[in-house]
Amino acid sequence: MLAEGTYICQACGEEIVVEVDLSAGGRQEYSEDCPVCCRPHLLSVRIASDGHVEIGAEGE
């Protein structure tokens, strides 16, 4: 099952929508390039018990 979350790219300032795989657990961490400026980010994903997705992003 998938859900969506967003983060703001620290390099270009764009809001980025990310699909999150809910079956991968309530806490996830992975690298992803911004689809606008291609700069890498370390994404920290937290999924609440009600399914709300919160994403933190840190430039690499």
Protein backbone atom coordinates (compact mmCIF):
# COMPACT_ATOMS: atom_id res chain seq x y z
CA MET A 1 0.00 0.00 0.00
CA LEU A 2 1.31 3.47 -0.91
CA ALA A 3 0.77 6.91 0.57
CA GLU A 4 2.10 10.34 -0.35
CA GLY A 5 4.17 12.78 1.64
CA THR A 6 6.01 15.98 0.78
CA TYR A 7 9.27 17.72 1.59
CA ILE A 8 10.90 20.98 0.56
CA CYS A 9 14.15 20.63 -1.40
CA GLN A 10 16.85 22.51 0.51
CA ALA A 11 18.71 23.27 -2.71
CA CYS A 12 15.99 24.64 -5.03
CA GLY A 13 13.08 25.29 -2.62
CA GLU A 14 10.52 23.23 -4.54
CA GLU A 15 7.92 21.16 -2.73
CA ILE A 16 8.49 17.53 -3.72
CA VAL A 17 5.78 14.85 -3.52
CA VAL A 18 7.06 11.39 -2.62
CA GLU A 19 5.25 8.05 -2.71
CA VAL A 20 5.89 6.08 0.47
CA ASP A 21 5.55 2.31 0.80
CA LEU A 22 3.55 1.84 4.00
CA SER A 23 4.48 -1.85 4.18
CA ALA A 24 8.17 -0.94 4.71
CA GLY A 25 7.53 0.06 8.33
CA GLY A 26 6.69 3.09 10.44
CA ARG A 27 10.19 4.57 10.22
CA GLN A 28 12.16 4.60 7.01
CA GLU A 29 15.31 6.32 5.84
CA TYR A 30 16.68 6.47 2.32
CA SER A 31 18.39 8.72 -0.24
CA GLU A 32 16.54 10.25 -3.13
CA ASP A 33 17.50 12.86 -5.72
CA CYS A 34 15.29 15.93 -6.12
CA PRO A 35 13.40 15.49 -9.41
CA VAL A 36 13.76 19.24 -10.10
CA CYS A 37 17.44 20.03 -9.41
CA CYS A 38 18.85 16.48 -9.04
CA ARG A 39 20.55 17.17 -5.69
CA PRO A 40 20.57 14.21 -3.29
CA HIS A 41 18.62 14.25 0.00
CA LEU A 42 18.49 11.89 2.94
CA LEU A 43 14.79 11.38 3.65
CA SER A 44 13.54 10.38 7.10
CA VAL A 45 9.99 9.06 6.86
CA ARG A 46 7.67 8.56 9.82
CA ILE A 47 4.24 6.98 9.45
CA ALA A 48 1.72 7.50 12.24
CA SER A 49 -0.72 4.79 13.27
CA ASP A 50 -3.49 6.71 11.45
CA GLY A 51 -1.45 6.59 8.19
CA HIS A 52 -0.28 10.23 8.26
CA VAL A 53 3.14 10.53 6.56
CA GLU A 54 5.77 13.00 7.77
CA ILE A 55 8.99 13.44 5.78
CA GLY A 56 12.15 15.21 6.88
CA ALA A 57 14.83 15.97 4.29
CA GLU A 58 18.48 16.78 4.73
CA GLY A 59 20.76 17.66 1.83
CA GLU A 60 23.66 15.26 1.32
